[in-house]
C-alpha atoms as a PDB file:
ATOM      1  CA  UNK A   1     -18.966  29.280  -2.940  1.00  0.00           C
ATOM      2  CA  UNK A   2     -15.228  28.229  -1.409  1.00  0.00           C
ATOM      3  CA  UNK A   3     -16.780  25.525   1.100  1.00  0.00           C
ATOM      4  CA  UNK A   4     -12.954  24.456   2.750  1.00  0.00           C
ATOM      5  CA  UNK A   5     -14.684  22.074   5.035  1.00  0.00           C
ATOM      6  CA  UNK A   6     -17.019  20.432   2.255  1.00  0.00           C
ATOM      7  CA  UNK A   7     -13.361  20.046   0.087  1.00  0.00           C
ATOM      8  CA  UNK A   8     -10.856  18.655   2.791  1.00  0.00           C
ATOM      9  CA  UNK A   9     -14.067  15.956   3.751  1.00  0.00           C
ATOM     10  CA  UNK A  10     -14.160  15.146  -0.350  1.00  0.00           C
ATOM     11  CA  UNK A  11      -9.871  14.259  -0.738  1.00  0.00           C
ATOM     12  CA  UNK A  12     -10.829  13.034   3.036  1.00  0.00           C
ATOM     13  CA  UNK A  13     -13.488  10.857   1.618  1.00  0.00           C
ATOM     14  CA  UNK A  14     -11.455  10.026  -1.830  1.00  0.00           C
ATOM     15  CA  UNK A  15      -8.207   9.220   0.033  1.00  0.00           C
ATOM     16  CA  UNK A  16      -9.782   6.856   1.689  1.00  0.00           C
ATOM     17  CA  UNK A  17     -11.387   5.169  -0.443  1.00  0.00           C
ATOM     18  CA  UNK A  18      -8.389   4.946  -2.677  1.00  0.00           C
ATOM     19  CA  UNK A  19      -6.222   3.714   0.797  1.00  0.00           C
ATOM     20  CA  UNK A  20      -8.639   0.669   1.849  1.00  0.00           C
ATOM     21  CA  UNK A  21      -9.489  -0.416  -2.053  1.00  0.00           C
ATOM     22  CA  UNK A  22      -6.940  -1.278  -3.746  1.00  0.00           C
ATOM     23  CA  UNK A  23      -6.310  -3.449  -6.472  1.00  0.00           C
ATOM     24  CA  UNK A  24      -5.151  -6.632  -5.799  1.00  0.00           C
ATOM     25  CA  UNK A  25      -1.437  -6.307  -6.938  1.00  0.00           C
ATOM     26  CA  UNK A  26      -1.545  -2.935  -4.600  1.00  0.00           C
ATOM     27  CA  UNK A  27      -2.789  -4.939  -1.018  1.00  0.00           C
ATOM     28  CA  UNK A  28      -0.988  -5.283   1.498  1.00  0.00           C
ATOM     29  CA  UNK A  29      -2.230  -6.482   5.075  1.00  0.00           C
ATOM     30  CA  UNK A  30      -5.604  -5.429   3.157  1.00  0.00           C
ATOM     31  CA  UNK A  31      -5.228  -2.055   2.122  1.00  0.00           C
ATOM     32  CA  UNK A  32      -3.037  -0.102  -0.739  1.00  0.00           C
ATOM     33  CA  UNK A  33      -0.265   0.948   1.071  1.00  0.00           C
ATOM     34  CA  UNK A  34       0.207   4.948   2.232  1.00  0.00           C
ATOM     35  CA  UNK A  35       2.731   5.219   0.163  1.00  0.00           C
ATOM     36  CA  UNK A  36       0.905   5.069  -3.438  1.00  0.00           C
ATOM     37  CA  UNK A  37      -2.187   6.020  -1.918  1.00  0.00           C
ATOM     38  CA  UNK A  38      -0.010   9.571  -1.569  1.00  0.00           C
ATOM     39  CA  UNK A  39       1.684   9.531  -4.685  1.00  0.00           C
ATOM     40  CA  UNK A  40      -1.682   9.361  -6.369  1.00  0.00           C
ATOM     41  CA  UNK A  41      -2.951  12.106  -4.164  1.00  0.00           C
ATOM     42  CA  UNK A  42       0.547  13.870  -5.010  1.00  0.00           C
ATOM     43  CA  UNK A  43       0.243  14.593  -0.763  1.00  0.00           C
ATOM     44  CA  UNK A  44       2.884  13.484   2.112  1.00  0.00           C
ATOM     45  CA  UNK A  45       2.561  10.510   3.096  1.00  0.00           C
ATOM     46  CA  UNK A  46       2.003  12.304   6.828  1.00  0.00           C
ATOM     47  CA  UNK A  47      -1.091  13.979   5.237  1.00  0.00           C
ATOM     48  CA  UNK A  48      -2.349  11.146   3.654  1.00  0.00           C
ATOM     49  CA  UNK A  49      -2.114   9.318   6.886  1.00  0.00           C
ATOM     50  CA  UNK A  50      -3.603  11.920   9.153  1.00  0.00           C
ATOM     51  CA  UNK A  51      -6.616  12.218   6.651  1.00  0.00           C
ATOM     52  CA  UNK A  52      -7.156   8.966   6.878  1.00  0.00           C
ATOM     53  CA  UNK A  53      -7.241   9.264  10.892  1.00  0.00           C
ATOM     54  CA  UNK A  54      -8.744  11.945  10.125  1.00  0.00           C
ATOM     55  CA  UNK A  55     -12.025   9.365   8.844  1.00  0.00           C
ATOM     56  CA  UNK A  56     -11.392   6.971  11.251  1.00  0.00           C
ATOM     57  CA  UNK A  57      -9.870   4.598   8.910  1.00  0.00           C
ATOM     58  CA  UNK A  58      -6.173   4.296  10.297  1.00  0.00           C
ATOM     59  CA  UNK A  59      -5.454   2.476  13.357  1.00  0.00           C
ATOM     60  CA  UNK A  60      -2.934   1.128  14.762  1.00  0.00           C
ATOM     61  CA  UNK A  61      -1.595   0.709  18.550  1.00  0.00           C
ATOM     62  CA  UNK A  62       0.287   4.438  18.694  1.00  0.00           C
ATOM     63  CA  UNK A  63      -1.835   5.777  17.393  1.00  0.00           C
ATOM     64  CA  UNK A  64      -4.229   4.824  19.017  1.00  0.00           C
ATOM     65  CA  UNK A  65      -2.572   5.459  22.518  1.00  0.00           C
ATOM     66  CA  UNK A  66      -1.964   8.272  21.425  1.00  0.00           C
ATOM     67  CA  UNK A  67      -5.350   9.287  20.457  1.00  0.00           C
ATOM     68  CA  UNK A  68      -6.465   7.772  24.179  1.00  0.00           C
ATOM     69  CA  UNK A  69      -4.175   9.912  26.307  1.00  0.00           C
ATOM     70  CA  UNK A  70      -5.710  13.208  24.277  1.00  0.00           C
ATOM     71  CA  UNK A  71      -9.523  12.275  25.033  1.00  0.00           C
ATOM     72  CA  UNK A  72      -7.528  11.711  28.348  1.00  0.00           C
ATOM     73  CA  UNK A  73      -6.767  14.982  28.638  1.00  0.00           C
ATOM     74  CA  UNK A  74      -3.661  14.837  28.670  1.00  0.00           C
ATOM     75  CA  UNK A  75      -1.205  17.688  26.938  1.00  0.00           C
ATOM     76  CA  UNK A  76       0.964  17.483  23.769  1.00  0.00           C
ATOM     77  CA  UNK A  77       4.282  17.917  26.843  1.00  0.00           C
ATOM     78  CA  UNK A  78       2.429  15.066  28.485  1.00  0.00           C
ATOM     79  CA  UNK A  79       2.211  12.236  25.699  1.00  0.00           C
ATOM     80  CA  UNK A  80       5.669  13.385  24.863  1.00  0.00           C
ATOM     81  CA  UNK A  81       6.890  12.329  27.388  1.00  0.00           C
ATOM     82  CA  UNK A  82       4.430   8.972  27.665  1.00  0.00           C
ATOM     83  CA  UNK A  83       4.931   7.935  24.237  1.00  0.00           C
ATOM     84  CA  UNK A  84       9.268   9.386  24.175  1.00  0.00           C
ATOM     85  CA  UNK A  85       8.148  10.938  20.409  1.00  0.00           C
ATOM     86  CA  UNK A  86       8.086  14.433  19.705  1.00  0.00           C
ATOM     87  CA  UNK A  87       5.975  17.018  19.621  1.00  0.00           C
ATOM     88  CA  UNK A  88       5.461  17.069  15.674  1.00  0.00           C
ATOM     89  CA  UNK A  89       4.769  13.210  15.960  1.00  0.00           C
ATOM     90  CA  UNK A  90       2.026  13.334  18.849  1.00  0.00           C
ATOM     91  CA  UNK A  91       1.069  15.727  15.985  1.00  0.00           C
ATOM     92  CA  UNK A  92       0.961  13.666  12.778  1.00  0.00           C
ATOM     93  CA  UNK A  93      -1.926  11.049  15.131  1.00  0.00           C
ATOM     94  CA  UNK A  94      -3.658  13.258  16.000  1.00  0.00           C
ATOM     95  CA  UNK A  95      -6.193  13.705  13.698  1.00  0.00           C
ATOM     96  CA  UNK A  96      -7.533  17.399  11.845  1.00  0.00           C
ATOM     97  CA  UNK A  97      -9.858  19.615  14.342  1.00  0.00           C
ATOM     98  CA  UNK A  98     -11.725  22.764  13.693  1.00  0.00           C
ATOM     99  CA  UNK A  99     -10.372  25.766  15.937  1.00  0.00           C
END
């Protein structure tokens, strides 16, 4: 009974909860630093950020700009040109999606 969607959803919820519920000594700008969350779950900070973006818990000006451009129908190449970021960086700011 392997359910990849349920596993991803549970991980996303756990990561988001950890990020949004820091202890007093961990809190930075109202959340736990991504690096600490990554260490807690033994995954990379980039994976944590992607999970948080997918769950809607992580927003910065660049992540919002990239997502806006993508939702407007821009290609990855067009977003790269508009932001000056590389292909991998652009992808890292987009949520996970089913194909």
